[in-house]
C-alpha cells in the first residue's frame, strides 16, 4: 500500500514538473488566415492601444507623483502599469482573432 502511494505521488510530481516546464515555453501570436505582415501591423496597433489605455507615455512609463505626507510615490507602480498594458494587448489581439501558440 505504501509503495503504491509513493508511486502515485511520484507520478503527480512528474506531471506537475512537466506542466511547469511547458508553462515556460516561448509562445507567439497566430491567426489561421493571417501572415507576418498582418501580424506585425496588428501587434503594433494593439501595443499602441494598450499603452494609451494603461497611460504609458514613453518607453520608461509615466512620471510618478510624490505623496507629500510620506515622500513616497503615489498611484500605480511601474509593474502595475506594465501588467495592465500586457493584459490590454492580449485582449486586443484575441479580439482580432489571434491565439497564443508554442513558438
Protein backbone atom coordinates (compact mmCIF):
# COMPACT_ATOMS: atom_id res chain seq x y z
CA UNK A 1 0.00 0.00 0.00
CA UNK A 2 2.80 2.44 0.92
CA UNK A 3 4.70 1.68 -2.30
CA UNK A 4 1.54 2.38 -4.30
CA UNK A 5 1.10 5.76 -2.59
CA UNK A 6 4.74 6.64 -3.26
CA UNK A 7 4.37 5.69 -6.91
CA UNK A 8 1.23 7.84 -7.20
CA UNK A 9 2.99 10.79 -5.55
CA UNK A 10 5.94 10.40 -7.92
CA UNK A 11 3.61 10.42 -10.93
CA UNK A 12 1.86 13.56 -9.68
CA UNK A 13 5.20 15.26 -9.08
CA UNK A 14 6.39 14.32 -12.57
CA UNK A 15 3.17 15.62 -14.12
CA UNK A 16 3.40 18.89 -12.17
CA UNK A 17 7.04 19.31 -13.21
CA UNK A 18 6.19 18.68 -16.88
CA UNK A 19 3.32 21.17 -16.79
CA UNK A 20 5.55 23.72 -15.09
CA UNK A 21 8.21 23.37 -17.75
CA UNK A 22 5.62 23.69 -20.52
CA UNK A 23 4.40 26.91 -18.97
CA UNK A 24 7.86 28.41 -19.53
CA UNK A 25 7.91 27.57 -23.24
CA UNK A 26 8.04 30.58 -25.59
CA UNK A 27 4.79 31.46 -27.33
CA UNK A 28 3.79 33.59 -30.30
CA UNK A 29 0.58 35.05 -31.69
CA UNK A 30 -1.06 33.08 -34.52
CA UNK A 31 -4.08 33.67 -36.77
CA UNK A 32 -5.04 30.97 -39.25
CA UNK A 33 -5.73 33.36 -42.13
CA UNK A 34 -3.02 35.89 -41.25
CA UNK A 35 0.52 36.44 -42.49
CA UNK A 36 3.60 38.01 -40.91
CA UNK A 37 2.83 41.49 -42.26
CA UNK A 38 -0.70 41.46 -40.81
CA UNK A 39 0.62 40.13 -37.50
CA UNK A 40 3.19 42.93 -37.29
CA UNK A 41 0.56 45.58 -38.09
CA UNK A 42 -2.00 44.20 -35.63
CA UNK A 43 0.60 43.78 -32.91
CA UNK A 44 1.81 47.37 -33.35
CA UNK A 45 -1.77 48.69 -33.32
CA UNK A 46 -2.68 46.67 -30.23
CA UNK A 47 0.53 47.69 -28.45
CA UNK A 48 -0.22 51.36 -29.13
CA UNK A 49 -3.80 50.98 -27.89
CA UNK A 50 -2.61 49.13 -24.79
CA UNK A 51 -0.07 51.85 -23.98
CA UNK A 52 -2.75 54.52 -24.35
CA UNK A 53 -5.15 52.57 -22.16
CA UNK A 54 -2.55 51.93 -19.44
CA UNK A 55 -1.39 55.55 -19.55
CA UNK A 56 2.18 54.75 -20.56
CA UNK A 57 3.50 57.74 -22.46
CA UNK A 58 7.13 56.86 -23.10
CA UNK A 59 9.35 53.83 -23.23
CA UNK A 60 10.04 54.06 -19.49
CA UNK A 61 6.46 54.76 -18.42
CA UNK A 62 4.78 57.74 -16.83
CA UNK A 63 6.25 60.06 -14.29
CA UNK A 64 5.24 59.29 -10.74
CA UNK A 65 3.80 61.82 -8.34
CA UNK A 66 5.02 62.06 -4.78
CA UNK A 67 2.70 61.77 -1.81
CA UNK A 68 3.59 64.83 0.32
CA UNK A 69 2.63 63.07 3.56
CA UNK A 70 5.07 60.20 3.14
CA UNK A 71 7.55 61.31 0.49
CA UNK A 72 6.75 58.17 -1.49
CA UNK A 73 5.40 57.69 -4.99
CA UNK A 74 1.61 57.51 -5.19
CA UNK A 75 -0.56 55.88 -7.80
CA UNK A 76 0.04 52.65 -9.68
CA UNK A 77 3.56 51.27 -9.74
CA UNK A 78 5.52 50.69 -12.93
CA UNK A 79 4.86 46.96 -12.57
CA UNK A 80 1.10 47.60 -12.31
CA UNK A 81 1.17 49.72 -15.46
CA UNK A 82 3.13 47.09 -17.38
CA UNK A 83 0.69 44.36 -16.26
CA UNK A 84 -2.27 46.46 -17.39
CA UNK A 85 -0.57 47.06 -20.72
CA UNK A 86 0.11 43.35 -21.19
CA UNK A 87 -3.49 42.44 -20.39
CA UNK A 88 -4.85 45.10 -22.76
CA UNK A 89 -2.50 43.90 -25.52
CA UNK A 90 -3.66 40.29 -25.09
CA UNK A 91 -7.33 41.30 -25.12
CA UNK A 92 -6.86 43.35 -28.28
CA UNK A 93 -5.06 40.53 -30.11
CA UNK A 94 -7.70 37.98 -29.09
CA UNK A 95 -10.46 40.31 -30.31
CA UNK A 96 -8.72 40.35 -33.69
CA UNK A 97 -8.80 36.55 -33.84
CA UNK A 98 -5.28 35.66 -32.66
CA UNK A 99 -4.36 32.90 -30.24
CA UNK A 100 -1.10 32.18 -28.43
CA UNK A 101 0.64 29.02 -29.65
CA UNK A 102 4.01 27.46 -28.78
CA UNK A 103 6.80 29.06 -30.79
